[in-house]
Amino acid sequence: MTAILLEERAGGVLRLTLNRPEARNALSIGLMTALLEALGRAAADPEARIVVIAGAGPAFCAGHDLRELRADPRREAYQRIFALCSELMLAIVRLPKPVIAEVHGVATAAGCQLVATCDLVVAAEEARFATPGVNIGLFCSTPMVALSRAVGRKAAMEMLLTGELIDAMTARSLGLVNRVVPKAGLRDRYAAEVMTTNMLARDAGEGIDAFLAKRAPVWQDR
């Protein structure tokens, strides 16, 4: 059976790829649980210094799995799913390491919430973002929290009330995205990421501490 979350390590970068391309990486209970568990392992792993969240297939993430939501329409089932989603988003916020969203295709509803929750966002030029709950009679209340913290109040309200897609450059102008790059270069490291990796190295901390204390550094990394 194909894993619904792929994990890949390259140096200090842990790459987590949502792998439900046939469902546009919709956040099923299984996928949210797998991602939450992977973040827990990353928090305890000193070799994982940066976490990148990406998506397989044509989309980054289309939000909650609507088929799964409708399969069990009881209040208790809805509460369990949304509580799990909240736990996942809080795990990203609380992770003591930078989390970068690598976005291509669309990121909508809870997928847009996932993007807004991450510390940094790099988007392909073709990426699109929306909170389209209003189109199915469901206001995006939980995505609203992360979105309104990432962009201005009026811009967030427009996205929430219209449900319209915005392109990557608009998302960057609003503050939802840090950088927009060609799709071919989406996985390439960029200066801010490398600088972050360097700052998290033991020698960087030791070098700064030694400078402030006016003493010779004791290097550990080689």
Protein backbone atom coordinates (compact mmCIF):
# COMPACT_ATOMS: atom_id res chain seq x y z
CA MET A 1 0.00 0.00 0.00
CA THR A 2 1.35 3.43 -0.94
CA ALA A 3 2.22 5.66 2.01
CA ILE A 4 -0.03 8.70 2.32
CA LEU A 5 2.87 10.73 3.71
CA LEU A 6 6.36 10.50 2.28
CA GLU A 7 9.42 11.37 4.39
CA GLU A 8 12.77 12.31 2.88
CA ARG A 9 15.91 13.60 4.58
CA ALA A 10 18.51 15.77 2.81
CA GLY A 11 21.09 17.03 5.26
CA GLY A 12 19.24 18.83 8.02
CA VAL A 13 16.08 19.26 5.94
CA LEU A 14 13.19 16.86 6.57
CA ARG A 15 10.77 16.83 3.65
CA LEU A 16 7.21 15.68 4.31
CA THR A 17 5.15 15.17 1.15
CA LEU A 18 1.38 14.80 1.30
CA ASN A 19 0.79 11.79 -0.93
CA ARG A 20 -2.89 11.52 -1.82
CA PRO A 21 -2.64 12.97 -5.35
CA GLU A 22 -5.86 11.30 -6.49
CA ALA A 23 -7.69 13.28 -3.78
CA ARG A 24 -5.62 16.44 -4.28
CA ASN A 25 -3.95 15.66 -0.96
CA ALA A 26 -7.14 16.27 1.00
CA LEU A 27 -6.55 16.14 4.75
CA SER A 28 -8.12 12.84 5.73
CA ILE A 29 -7.91 11.58 9.30
CA GLY A 30 -5.16 9.22 8.21
CA LEU A 31 -3.09 11.94 6.54
CA MET A 32 -3.47 14.40 9.41
CA THR A 33 -2.49 11.68 11.89
CA ALA A 34 0.56 10.70 9.84
CA LEU A 35 1.65 14.32 9.51
CA LEU A 36 1.14 14.95 13.23
CA GLU A 37 3.22 11.89 14.12
CA ALA A 38 5.99 12.93 11.69
CA LEU A 39 6.14 16.39 13.25
CA GLY A 40 6.43 14.78 16.67
CA ARG A 41 9.40 12.74 15.49
CA ALA A 42 10.95 15.82 13.90
CA ALA A 43 10.67 17.73 17.16
CA ALA A 44 12.69 15.04 18.94
CA ASP A 45 15.24 14.55 16.15
CA PRO A 46 18.32 16.78 16.52
CA GLU A 47 19.33 16.03 12.92
CA ALA A 48 16.09 17.49 11.55
CA ARG A 49 16.68 21.22 11.56
CA ILE A 50 14.08 22.36 9.03
CA VAL A 51 10.78 20.76 7.99
CA VAL A 52 9.40 21.24 4.48
CA ILE A 53 5.77 20.32 3.77
CA ALA A 54 4.99 19.68 0.10
CA GLY A 55 2.31 17.94 -1.93
CA ALA A 56 2.44 15.20 -4.57
CA GLY A 57 0.49 15.40 -7.81
CA PRO A 58 -1.31 18.40 -9.32
CA ALA A 59 -2.26 20.15 -6.06
CA PHE A 60 -0.69 21.09 -2.75
CA CYS A 61 -3.78 20.44 -0.62
CA ALA A 62 -7.49 20.83 -1.31
CA GLY A 63 -8.54 21.03 2.33
CA HIS A 64 -10.52 18.51 4.34
CA ASP A 65 -11.64 15.26 2.75
CA LEU A 66 -15.30 16.08 2.07
CA ARG A 67 -16.19 12.47 1.28
CA GLU A 68 -14.84 11.42 4.65
CA LEU A 69 -16.71 14.24 6.36
CA ARG A 70 -20.02 13.18 4.81
CA ALA A 71 -19.42 9.47 5.43
CA ASP A 72 -20.20 9.97 9.13
CA PRO A 73 -22.41 13.06 9.62
CA ARG A 74 -22.60 12.80 13.39
CA ARG A 75 -21.58 15.73 15.58
CA GLU A 76 -19.01 13.54 17.36
CA ALA A 77 -17.34 12.63 14.09
CA TYR A 78 -17.10 16.26 12.99
CA GLN A 79 -15.70 17.26 16.36
CA ARG A 80 -13.05 14.56 16.17
CA ILE A 81 -11.89 15.61 12.71
CA PHE A 82 -11.72 19.33 13.48
CA ALA A 83 -10.02 18.70 16.84
CA LEU A 84 -7.38 16.63 15.03
CA CYS A 85 -6.90 19.43 12.50
CA SER A 86 -6.44 21.97 15.30
CA GLU A 87 -3.92 19.68 16.98
CA LEU A 88 -1.98 19.42 13.73
CA MET A 89 -1.86 23.18 13.17
CA LEU A 90 -0.77 23.78 16.77
CA ALA A 91 1.99 21.19 16.35
CA ILE A 92 3.36 23.21 13.44
CA VAL A 93 3.21 26.46 15.41
CA ARG A 94 4.87 24.88 18.45
CA LEU A 95 7.56 22.95 16.60
CA PRO A 96 10.89 24.45 17.72
CA LYS A 97 12.17 24.33 14.13
CA PRO A 98 11.16 26.31 11.02
CA VAL A 99 8.39 24.75 8.95
CA ILE A 100 8.31 25.73 5.27
CA ALA A 101 5.34 25.14 2.98
CA GLU A 102 6.40 24.34 -0.59
CA VAL A 103 3.28 25.08 -2.62
CA HIS A 104 2.37 24.21 -6.18
CA GLY A 105 -1.08 23.97 -7.72
CA VAL A 106 -3.94 24.89 -5.40
CA ALA A 107 -4.05 25.27 -1.63
CA THR A 108 -7.66 25.69 -0.59
CA ALA A 109 -9.72 25.70 2.63
CA ALA A 110 -7.79 23.72 5.28
CA GLY A 111 -4.98 23.47 2.72
CA CYS A 112 -4.75 27.25 2.74
CA GLN A 113 -4.91 27.10 6.53
CA LEU A 114 -1.93 24.73 6.48
CA VAL A 115 0.01 27.19 4.31
CA ALA A 116 -0.85 30.15 6.55
CA THR A 117 0.19 28.20 9.64
CA CYS A 118 3.68 27.39 8.37
CA ASP A 119 6.56 29.72 9.28
CA LEU A 120 7.64 30.35 5.69
CA VAL A 121 5.97 29.76 2.33
CA VAL A 122 7.62 29.28 -1.06
CA ALA A 123 5.16 29.05 -3.94
CA ALA A 124 5.44 28.15 -7.60
CA GLU A 125 4.30 30.83 -10.02
CA GLU A 126 1.22 28.76 -10.88
CA ALA A 127 0.11 28.27 -7.25
CA ARG A 128 -3.36 29.44 -6.26
CA PHE A 129 -4.92 29.99 -2.85
CA ALA A 130 -8.52 30.23 -1.61
CA THR A 131 -10.85 29.71 1.33
CA PRO A 132 -13.92 28.64 -0.66
CA GLY A 133 -16.14 27.30 2.11
CA VAL A 134 -18.82 29.85 1.25
CA ASN A 135 -19.28 28.11 -2.10
CA ILE A 136 -20.64 25.01 -0.36
CA GLY A 137 -22.49 26.83 2.41
CA LEU A 138 -19.74 26.40 4.98
CA PHE A 139 -17.78 29.43 6.22
CA CYS A 140 -14.07 28.66 6.64
CA SER A 141 -14.00 29.43 10.36
CA THR A 142 -10.86 27.51 11.31
CA PRO A 143 -8.83 28.57 8.24
CA MET A 144 -9.85 32.12 9.13
CA VAL A 145 -7.71 32.03 12.29
CA ALA A 146 -4.43 31.25 10.55
CA LEU A 147 -5.26 33.36 7.50
CA SER A 148 -6.07 36.48 9.52
CA ARG A 149 -2.77 36.12 11.36
CA ALA A 150 -0.82 35.91 8.10
CA VAL A 151 -2.53 38.66 6.08
CA GLY A 152 -4.36 41.88 6.85
CA ARG A 153 -7.91 41.81 8.17
CA LYS A 154 -9.57 43.23 5.07
CA ALA A 155 -7.70 40.95 2.67
CA ALA A 156 -8.53 37.94 4.82
CA MET A 157 -12.19 38.91 4.96
CA GLU A 158 -12.35 39.28 1.18
CA MET A 159 -10.90 35.80 0.69
CA LEU A 160 -13.29 34.32 3.25
CA LEU A 161 -16.42 36.02 1.93
CA THR A 162 -15.81 35.57 -1.80
CA GLY A 163 -14.04 32.21 -1.84
CA GLU A 164 -12.17 33.38 -4.93
CA LEU A 165 -8.75 32.02 -5.90
CA ILE A 166 -5.80 34.39 -5.68
CA ASP A 167 -2.58 33.84 -7.59
CA ALA A 168 0.87 33.42 -6.09
CA MET A 169 2.02 37.00 -6.66
CA THR A 170 -1.14 38.37 -5.04
CA ALA A 171 -0.60 36.00 -2.11
CA ARG A 172 2.95 37.33 -1.81
CA SER A 173 1.77 40.94 -1.83
CA LEU A 174 -0.68 40.11 0.96
CA GLY A 175 1.96 38.43 3.11
CA LEU A 176 0.68 34.86 2.77
CA VAL A 177 3.70 33.84 0.69
CA ASN A 178 7.37 34.72 1.20
CA ARG A 179 8.73 33.89 -2.24
CA VAL A 180 7.38 33.05 -5.67
CA VAL A 181 9.62 30.97 -7.91
CA PRO A 182 9.38 29.06 -11.20
CA LYS A 183 7.98 25.58 -10.67
CA ALA A 184 11.22 24.00 -11.89
CA GLY A 185 13.12 25.71 -9.07
CA LEU A 186 10.59 25.11 -6.32
CA ARG A 187 12.71 22.51 -4.53
CA ASP A 188 15.95 24.49 -4.77
CA ARG A 189 17.31 25.87 -1.51
CA TYR A 190 17.29 29.64 -1.20
CA ALA A 191 19.32 32.01 0.94
CA ALA A 192 16.90 32.32 3.87
CA GLU A 193 16.61 28.55 4.22
CA VAL A 194 20.37 28.05 4.13
CA MET A 195 20.87 30.83 6.66
CA THR A 196 18.31 29.24 8.94
CA THR A 197 20.06 25.88 8.68
CA ASN A 198 23.37 27.53 9.51
CA MET A 199 21.92 29.33 12.51
CA LEU A 200 20.59 26.07 13.91
CA ALA A 201 24.00 24.39 13.76
CA ARG A 202 25.72 23.94 17.13
CA ASP A 203 28.79 25.82 15.91
CA ALA A 204 26.72 28.89 14.97
CA GLY A 205 25.35 29.13 18.49
CA GLU A 206 28.77 28.51 19.98
CA GLY A 207 30.35 31.12 17.73
CA ILE A 208 27.83 33.78 18.72
CA ASP A 209 28.08 32.90 22.41
CA ALA A 210 31.87 33.01 22.27
CA PHE A 211 31.80 36.38 20.54
CA LEU A 212 29.45 37.84 23.13
CA ALA A 213 31.55 36.40 25.98
CA LYS A 214 34.80 37.52 24.34
CA ARG A 215 36.30 34.02 24.52
CA ALA A 216 37.65 31.47 22.07
CA PRO A 217 34.94 29.25 20.55
CA VAL A 218 34.90 25.50 21.13
CA TRP A 219 33.82 24.06 17.79
CA GLN A 220 31.84 20.78 17.66
CA ASP A 221 30.60 20.33 14.10
CA ARG A 222 33.22 19.37 11.54
